[in-house]
């Protein structure tokens, strides 16, 4: 059977989403949450060969990352109150900055522990910059540093670095779903204000009871697709006119927030339901990133890369969650800020939604976008320090 067939992959992803939702409602696994469960289910499926592990050459995976994830951001932000940014934006911005500092410190320490440039054929400084970039911003920053230092021309090293990054991102997504619950003794979890709770339901059962008609769904699809297209076009236009592009995710966020203030748009039903389904499909693909076979294929190099990334994320997590525990910060805010560092804006938004914190969705997207803006700069800074 051809497991790379797009229809087969989509069927498995859909079944994984449905199974995770059922397990989260009808079994003791409800405490893990459907977001965590779908990642684990798809990771297992990808590693036993039911579906292929993630590759940008697989249309379904690429489509979900490139199209479905931005649609999810737009749809969920349609119901966000700007008041949430006033309460959570400042603390999350500070935590995001602390997390970025933790990432830089972790890379510097990790590179020293694994032996520096000599452990990676003289390219350790570039790898340090790549991991700093991706764990501050995202894959854009990872590749920007890699191209600048020609790491992409060293196939085994580049492929291994990307594989370790993918596995680590998946594991940290699972960790940030679980840590707020595990650390609740030392870090409180504050419920969102009633206004936000009314705007962005934290109860998926309530969301499903919405009466959604084809008119609402068709108009939401048109608005979301049009907004994503316009954001990409404006970003490219800005790059052509002034030499640098405004990240399309920032333009998309602005469009969503502007439309969210229009009463007619607020009355449309189904944004929460369709947005959450899109997020769950995105999380399912996150599970497919966890390709253990790719790690086994690069031999001893994999161990050094795993050690480097492990130390980096451990220092980041210890510094960020340790500081949060000292000042008794909101555990959910700390987790979302950390995920904005390690996983990016879409992962941070998905985490905020899975934690039931609609008030953190907008700050999550904004600080994640900030990471894309500064990640390459910090990556080059660390590469310079290591060289």
Protein backbone atom coordinates (compact mmCIF):
# COMPACT_ATOMS: atom_id res chain seq x y z
CA UNK A 1 0.00 0.00 0.00
CA UNK A 2 1.24 3.48 -0.90
CA UNK A 3 1.34 5.25 2.46
CA UNK A 4 2.40 8.51 0.78
CA UNK A 5 -0.94 8.87 -0.99
CA UNK A 6 -2.33 12.29 0.08
CA UNK A 7 -5.83 10.91 0.62
CA UNK A 8 -4.51 8.14 2.89
CA UNK A 9 -2.43 10.60 4.93
CA UNK A 10 -5.38 12.98 5.30
CA UNK A 11 -7.62 10.08 6.36
CA UNK A 12 -5.14 9.01 9.06
CA UNK A 13 -4.73 12.59 10.31
CA UNK A 14 -8.51 13.00 10.48
CA UNK A 15 -8.88 9.72 12.39
CA UNK A 16 -6.09 10.78 14.78
CA UNK A 17 -7.89 14.06 15.51
CA UNK A 18 -11.19 12.25 16.08
CA UNK A 19 -9.56 9.60 18.29
CA UNK A 20 -7.76 12.18 20.41
CA UNK A 21 -11.01 14.11 20.94
CA UNK A 22 -12.82 10.91 21.95
CA UNK A 23 -10.05 9.83 24.33
CA UNK A 24 -9.98 13.30 25.88
CA UNK A 25 -13.68 13.07 26.73
CA UNK A 26 -14.41 9.45 27.57
CA UNK A 27 -11.26 8.01 29.15
CA UNK A 28 -8.85 8.83 32.01
CA UNK A 29 -6.59 10.34 29.34
CA UNK A 30 -8.80 13.43 29.45
CA UNK A 31 -6.25 14.97 31.81
CA UNK A 32 -3.69 14.97 28.99
CA UNK A 33 -5.94 16.92 26.64
CA UNK A 34 -6.69 16.29 22.97
CA UNK A 35 -3.83 18.54 21.78
CA UNK A 36 -1.21 16.38 23.47
CA UNK A 37 -2.92 13.14 22.47
CA UNK A 38 -3.07 13.93 18.75
CA UNK A 39 0.67 14.70 18.70
CA UNK A 40 1.50 11.39 20.37
CA UNK A 41 -0.89 9.35 18.20
CA UNK A 42 0.47 10.73 14.93
CA UNK A 43 4.10 10.45 16.13
CA UNK A 44 3.53 6.74 16.77
CA UNK A 45 1.77 6.30 13.42
CA UNK A 46 4.62 8.03 11.56
CA UNK A 47 7.35 6.01 13.25
CA UNK A 48 5.71 2.60 12.72
CA UNK A 49 5.11 3.33 9.03
CA UNK A 50 1.34 3.86 8.94
CA UNK A 51 2.03 7.26 7.36
CA UNK A 52 5.38 8.80 6.34
CA UNK A 53 7.29 11.09 8.65
CA UNK A 54 7.16 14.77 7.83
CA UNK A 55 8.73 16.01 4.63
CA UNK A 56 8.16 19.29 2.85
CA UNK A 57 7.82 17.27 -0.35
CA UNK A 58 4.60 15.62 0.88
CA UNK A 59 1.75 17.86 -0.33
CA UNK A 60 -0.59 17.23 2.60
CA UNK A 61 2.00 18.16 5.22
CA UNK A 62 3.23 21.18 3.28
CA UNK A 63 -0.34 22.33 2.66
CA UNK A 64 -1.27 22.13 6.33
CA UNK A 65 1.81 24.10 7.35
CA UNK A 66 1.56 26.66 4.56
CA UNK A 67 -2.21 27.08 4.26
CA UNK A 68 -4.17 25.47 7.10
CA UNK A 69 -2.03 26.94 9.90
CA UNK A 70 -2.48 30.57 8.74
CA UNK A 71 -6.21 29.91 8.28
CA UNK A 72 -6.35 28.67 11.88
CA UNK A 73 -4.65 31.81 13.15
CA UNK A 74 -7.07 34.03 11.25
CA UNK A 75 -10.22 32.16 12.32
CA UNK A 76 -9.32 32.00 16.00
CA UNK A 77 -8.24 35.63 16.14
CA UNK A 78 -11.62 36.70 14.78
CA UNK A 79 -12.98 36.25 18.32
CA UNK A 80 -10.15 37.84 20.28
CA UNK A 81 -10.67 40.91 22.46
CA UNK A 82 -7.84 43.41 22.42
CA UNK A 83 -8.22 43.70 26.19
CA UNK A 84 -6.46 40.35 26.46
CA UNK A 85 -3.29 41.86 25.02
CA UNK A 86 -3.32 44.62 27.64
CA UNK A 87 -3.31 42.06 30.46
CA UNK A 88 -1.10 39.33 29.04
CA UNK A 89 1.02 41.07 26.41
CA UNK A 90 3.50 42.78 28.75
CA UNK A 91 4.30 39.76 30.94
CA UNK A 92 4.52 37.45 27.95
CA UNK A 93 6.85 39.83 26.14
CA UNK A 94 9.18 39.88 29.16
CA UNK A 95 9.06 36.10 29.45
CA UNK A 96 9.70 35.72 25.74
CA UNK A 97 12.80 37.90 26.07
CA UNK A 98 13.99 35.83 29.03
CA UNK A 99 13.36 32.65 27.05
CA UNK A 100 15.41 33.99 24.14
CA UNK A 101 18.28 34.75 26.52
CA UNK A 102 17.95 31.22 27.90
CA UNK A 103 18.16 29.79 24.38
CA UNK A 104 21.34 31.74 23.64
CA UNK A 105 22.90 30.67 26.93
CA UNK A 106 21.88 27.07 26.29
CA UNK A 107 23.46 27.02 22.83
CA UNK A 108 26.72 28.47 24.13
CA UNK A 109 26.85 25.97 27.00
CA UNK A 110 25.77 23.03 24.85
CA UNK A 111 28.37 23.74 22.21
CA UNK A 112 31.10 23.84 24.85
CA UNK A 113 29.93 20.52 26.33
CA UNK A 114 29.89 18.64 23.00
CA UNK A 115 33.32 19.87 21.91
CA UNK A 116 32.64 22.97 19.81
CA UNK A 117 33.43 23.24 16.11
CA UNK A 118 35.52 20.09 16.14
CA UNK A 119 32.45 17.98 16.87
CA UNK A 120 30.74 19.21 13.69
CA UNK A 121 33.52 19.39 11.09
CA UNK A 122 34.25 23.06 11.82
CA UNK A 123 30.63 24.16 11.45
CA UNK A 124 29.64 24.13 15.11
CA UNK A 125 29.46 27.93 15.21
CA UNK A 126 26.96 27.93 12.33
CA UNK A 127 24.85 25.20 13.96
CA UNK A 128 24.77 27.23 17.15
CA UNK A 129 23.47 30.20 15.18
CA UNK A 130 20.90 28.04 13.39
CA UNK A 131 19.48 26.62 16.62
CA UNK A 132 19.46 30.05 18.25
CA UNK A 133 17.52 31.38 15.28
CA UNK A 134 14.95 28.60 15.17
CA UNK A 135 14.42 28.53 18.97
CA UNK A 136 13.87 32.26 19.00
CA UNK A 137 11.89 32.52 15.78
CA UNK A 138 11.36 29.54 13.53
CA UNK A 139 12.45 27.58 10.46
CA UNK A 140 12.84 30.79 8.46
CA UNK A 141 15.58 31.91 10.83
CA UNK A 142 17.11 28.40 10.91
CA UNK A 143 17.48 28.37 7.13
CA UNK A 144 18.62 32.00 6.91
CA UNK A 145 21.65 31.23 9.08
CA UNK A 146 22.25 27.87 7.36
CA UNK A 147 22.34 29.46 3.90
CA UNK A 148 24.62 32.27 5.04
CA UNK A 149 27.25 29.77 6.23
CA UNK A 150 26.63 27.18 3.45
CA UNK A 151 25.56 24.51 5.93
CA UNK A 152 22.93 23.38 3.44
CA UNK A 153 25.77 22.22 1.17
CA UNK A 154 26.78 19.64 3.81
CA UNK A 155 23.85 17.29 3.28
CA UNK A 156 24.28 14.90 6.22
CA UNK A 157 24.93 17.65 8.76
CA UNK A 158 22.07 19.82 7.53
CA UNK A 159 19.60 16.93 7.37
CA UNK A 160 20.63 15.76 10.83
CA UNK A 161 20.30 19.25 12.31
CA UNK A 162 16.82 19.60 10.81
CA UNK A 163 15.73 16.15 12.01
CA UNK A 164 16.87 16.83 15.59
CA UNK A 165 15.14 20.21 15.49
CA UNK A 166 11.87 18.59 14.38
CA UNK A 167 11.95 15.92 17.08
CA UNK A 168 12.86 18.43 19.77
CA UNK A 169 10.06 20.77 18.69
CA UNK A 170 7.55 17.94 18.98
CA UNK A 171 8.79 16.91 22.42
CA UNK A 172 8.74 20.49 23.71
CA UNK A 173 5.18 20.96 22.45
CA UNK A 174 4.19 17.95 24.53
CA UNK A 175 6.14 19.33 27.50
CA UNK A 176 4.51 22.75 27.41
CA UNK A 177 1.06 21.16 27.34
CA UNK A 178 1.89 19.15 30.47
CA UNK A 179 4.12 21.51 32.49
CA UNK A 180 1.42 24.00 33.58
CA UNK A 181 -0.44 21.13 35.23
CA UNK A 182 2.68 19.55 36.71
CA UNK A 183 3.98 22.85 38.10
CA UNK A 184 0.67 24.17 39.41
CA UNK A 185 1.91 23.73 43.00
CA UNK A 186 4.60 26.38 42.45
CA UNK A 187 3.05 28.42 39.63
CA UNK A 188 -0.64 29.40 39.70
CA UNK A 189 -2.87 29.00 36.69
CA UNK A 190 -5.18 31.99 36.38
CA UNK A 191 -8.45 31.70 34.55
CA UNK A 192 -9.16 34.27 31.81
CA UNK A 193 -11.52 37.13 32.54
CA UNK A 194 -15.22 36.53 31.99
CA UNK A 195 -15.29 38.82 28.97
CA UNK A 196 -12.67 36.75 27.21
CA UNK A 197 -14.32 33.52 28.27
CA UNK A 198 -17.53 34.70 26.65
CA UNK A 199 -15.73 35.72 23.48
CA UNK A 200 -13.53 32.67 23.05
CA UNK A 201 -15.20 29.66 24.58
CA UNK A 202 -12.91 27.38 26.54
CA UNK A 203 -15.50 24.64 26.35
CA UNK A 204 -15.37 22.68 23.12
CA UNK A 205 -18.74 21.14 23.89
CA UNK A 206 -20.27 24.61 23.84
CA UNK A 207 -18.45 25.34 20.60
CA UNK A 208 -19.95 22.26 18.96
CA UNK A 209 -23.45 23.32 19.96
CA UNK A 210 -23.21 26.37 17.71
CA UNK A 211 -25.73 26.27 14.90
CA UNK A 212 -23.47 26.57 11.90
CA UNK A 213 -24.94 26.98 8.45
CA UNK A 214 -23.34 26.88 4.99
CA UNK A 215 -23.64 30.67 4.65
CA UNK A 216 -21.51 31.29 7.73
CA UNK A 217 -18.94 28.64 6.83
CA UNK A 218 -18.65 29.81 3.22
CA UNK A 219 -18.18 33.43 4.27
CA UNK A 220 -15.63 32.49 6.92
CA UNK A 221 -13.70 30.47 4.33
CA UNK A 222 -13.77 33.38 1.90
CA UNK A 223 -12.60 35.84 4.55
CA UNK A 224 -9.84 33.55 5.83
CA UNK A 225 -8.50 32.57 2.40
CA UNK A 226 -8.68 36.14 1.17
CA UNK A 227 -6.89 37.46 4.25
CA UNK A 228 -4.05 34.92 3.95
CA UNK A 229 -3.66 35.69 0.23
CA UNK A 230 -3.68 39.45 0.84
CA UNK A 231 -1.18 39.15 3.70
CA UNK A 232 1.29 37.24 1.53
CA UNK A 233 0.82 39.68 -1.35
CA UNK A 234 1.31 42.77 0.83
CA UNK A 235 4.39 41.24 2.46
CA UNK A 236 5.94 40.51 -0.95
CA UNK A 237 4.99 43.99 -2.21
CA UNK A 238 6.62 45.65 0.78
CA UNK A 239 9.80 43.65 0.18
CA UNK A 240 9.89 44.77 -3.45
CA UNK A 241 9.29 48.44 -2.64
CA UNK A 242 11.45 49.03 0.44
CA UNK A 243 13.86 46.11 0.40
CA UNK A 244 12.50 44.22 3.39
CA UNK A 245 9.19 42.50 3.96
CA UNK A 246 6.83 42.91 6.86
CA UNK A 247 6.17 39.34 8.08
CA UNK A 248 2.90 38.17 6.55
CA UNK A 249 1.78 36.80 9.91
CA UNK A 250 1.75 40.34 11.31
CA UNK A 251 -0.36 41.56 8.40
CA UNK A 252 -2.70 38.59 8.82
CA UNK A 253 -3.05 39.31 12.54
CA UNK A 254 -3.87 42.96 11.83
CA UNK A 255 -6.52 42.01 9.28
CA UNK A 256 -8.10 39.51 11.67
CA UNK A 257 -8.23 42.00 14.52
CA UNK A 258 -9.71 44.70 12.30
CA UNK A 259 -12.43 42.37 11.03
CA UNK A 260 -13.09 41.11 14.56
CA UNK A 261 -14.36 44.57 15.46
CA UNK A 262 -17.02 44.48 12.72
CA UNK A 263 -20.41 43.44 14.24
CA UNK A 264 -21.43 41.50 11.13
CA UNK A 265 -18.25 39.40 11.34
CA UNK A 266 -18.73 38.83 15.07
CA UNK A 267 -22.16 37.36 14.35
CA UNK A 268 -20.77 34.71 12.01
CA UNK A 269 -20.93 31.26 13.60
CA UNK A 270 -18.35 28.52 13.30
CA UNK A 271 -15.06 30.44 13.59
CA UNK A 272 -14.13 28.67 16.83
CA UNK A 273 -15.06 25.22 15.59
CA UNK A 274 -13.35 25.46 12.20
CA UNK A 275 -10.35 27.24 13.71
CA UNK A 276 -9.89 24.53 16.33
CA UNK A 277 -10.14 21.77 13.71
CA UNK A 278 -7.44 23.53 11.69
CA UNK A 279 -5.25 23.79 14.81
CA UNK A 280 -5.69 20.07 15.53
CA UNK A 281 -4.59 19.19 12.00
CA UNK A 282 -1.54 21.40 12.47
CA UNK A 283 -0.72 19.64 15.74
CA UNK A 284 -1.14 16.28 14.02
CA UNK A 285 1.57 17.26 11.52
CA UNK A 286 3.74 18.35 14.46
CA UNK A 287 3.54 14.71 15.54
CA UNK A 288 4.71 13.58 12.10
CA UNK A 289 7.83 15.72 12.55
CA UNK A 290 9.10 13.26 15.15
CA UNK A 291 11.13 11.06 12.77
CA UNK A 292 13.25 8.72 14.88
CA UNK A 293 14.50 6.80 11.83
CA UNK A 294 16.11 9.96 10.46
CA UNK A 295 18.06 10.31 13.69
CA UNK A 296 19.28 6.71 13.54
CA UNK A 297 20.42 7.24 9.95
CA UNK A 298 23.09 9.84 10.75
CA UNK A 299 24.96 7.78 13.33
CA UNK A 300 27.24 9.37 15.97
CA UNK A 301 26.48 12.83 14.61
CA UNK A 302 22.93 12.44 15.87
CA UNK A 303 24.12 11.99 19.46
CA UNK A 304 26.11 15.22 19.37
CA UNK A 305 23.23 17.11 17.81
CA UNK A 306 20.77 15.67 20.36
CA UNK A 307 23.12 16.66 23.18
CA UNK A 308 23.46 20.20 21.84
CA UNK A 309 19.72 20.68 21.40
CA UNK A 310 18.93 18.92 24.68
CA UNK A 311 21.20 21.26 26.66
CA UNK A 312 19.83 24.29 24.78
CA UNK A 313 16.19 23.54 25.55
CA UNK A 314 16.97 22.39 29.10
CA UNK A 315 18.69 25.69 29.91
CA UNK A 316 15.89 27.63 28.23
CA UNK A 317 13.21 25.72 30.15
CA UNK A 318 15.02 25.81 33.50
CA UNK A 319 15.64 29.56 33.29
CA UNK A 320 12.14 30.45 32.08
CA UNK A 321 10.07 28.15 34.29
CA UNK A 322 12.45 28.63 37.23
CA UNK A 323 12.05 32.40 37.03
CA UNK A 324 8.31 31.94 36.67
CA UNK A 325 8.19 29.81 39.80
CA UNK A 326 10.24 32.36 41.78
CA UNK A 327 7.80 35.19 41.02
CA UNK A 328 4.77 32.87 40.92
CA UNK A 329 3.95 33.85 37.36
CA UNK A 330 0.94 32.41 35.58
CA UNK A 331 2.07 28.95 34.46
CA UNK A 332 0.04 29.15 31.25
CA UNK A 333 1.65 32.46 30.26
CA UNK A 334 5.12 31.01 30.87
CA UNK A 335 4.33 27.90 28.82
CA UNK A 336 2.92 29.88 25.89
CA UNK A 337 5.89 32.28 25.91
CA UNK A 338 8.25 29.30 25.88
CA UNK A 339 6.38 27.68 23.02
CA UNK A 340 6.51 30.96 21.08
CA UNK A 341 10.31 30.69 21.40
CA UNK A 342 10.76 27.01 20.57
CA UNK A 343 7.84 26.33 18.25
CA UNK A 344 6.80 29.71 16.82
CA UNK A 345 3.58 31.67 16.63
CA UNK A 346 1.29 28.94 15.31
CA UNK A 347 2.45 26.43 17.93
CA UNK A 348 2.07 29.05 20.66
CA UNK A 349 -1.45 29.88 19.51
CA UNK A 350 -2.33 26.18 19.42
CA UNK A 351 -0.97 25.76 22.94
CA UNK A 352 -2.94 28.75 24.24
CA UNK A 353 -6.11 27.30 22.73
CA UNK A 354 -5.44 23.80 24.09
CA UNK A 355 -4.84 25.23 27.58
CA UNK A 356 -8.21 26.97 27.40
CA UNK A 357 -6.62 30.42 27.43
CA UNK A 358 -8.27 32.40 24.67
CA UNK A 359 -6.92 35.59 26.22
CA UNK A 360 -3.36 34.45 25.42
CA UNK A 361 -3.90 33.70 21.73
CA UNK A 362 -3.21 37.19 20.44
CA UNK A 363 -0.11 37.73 22.62
CA UNK A 364 1.11 34.29 21.51
CA UNK A 365 0.92 35.22 17.84
CA UNK A 366 2.50 38.62 18.38
CA UNK A 367 5.51 37.42 20.38
CA UNK A 368 5.95 34.52 17.97
CA UNK A 369 6.08 37.03 15.13
CA UNK A 370 8.58 39.08 17.12
CA UNK A 371 10.73 35.95 17.31
CA UNK A 372 10.71 35.67 13.51
CA UNK A 373 11.81 39.30 13.32
CA UNK A 374 14.76 39.02 15.73
CA UNK A 375 15.70 35.34 15.45
CA UNK A 376 18.11 35.72 12.56
CA UNK A 377 19.92 38.60 14.26
CA UNK A 378 20.37 36.61 17.45
CA UNK A 379 21.44 33.59 15.39
CA UNK A 380 24.22 35.54 13.71
CA UNK A 381 25.23 37.03 17.08
CA UNK A 382 25.67 33.58 18.62
CA UNK A 383 27.48 32.28 15.53
CA UNK A 384 29.89 35.21 15.84
CA UNK A 385 30.45 34.53 19.54
CA UNK A 386 31.14 30.87 18.85
CA UNK A 387 33.49 31.58 15.96
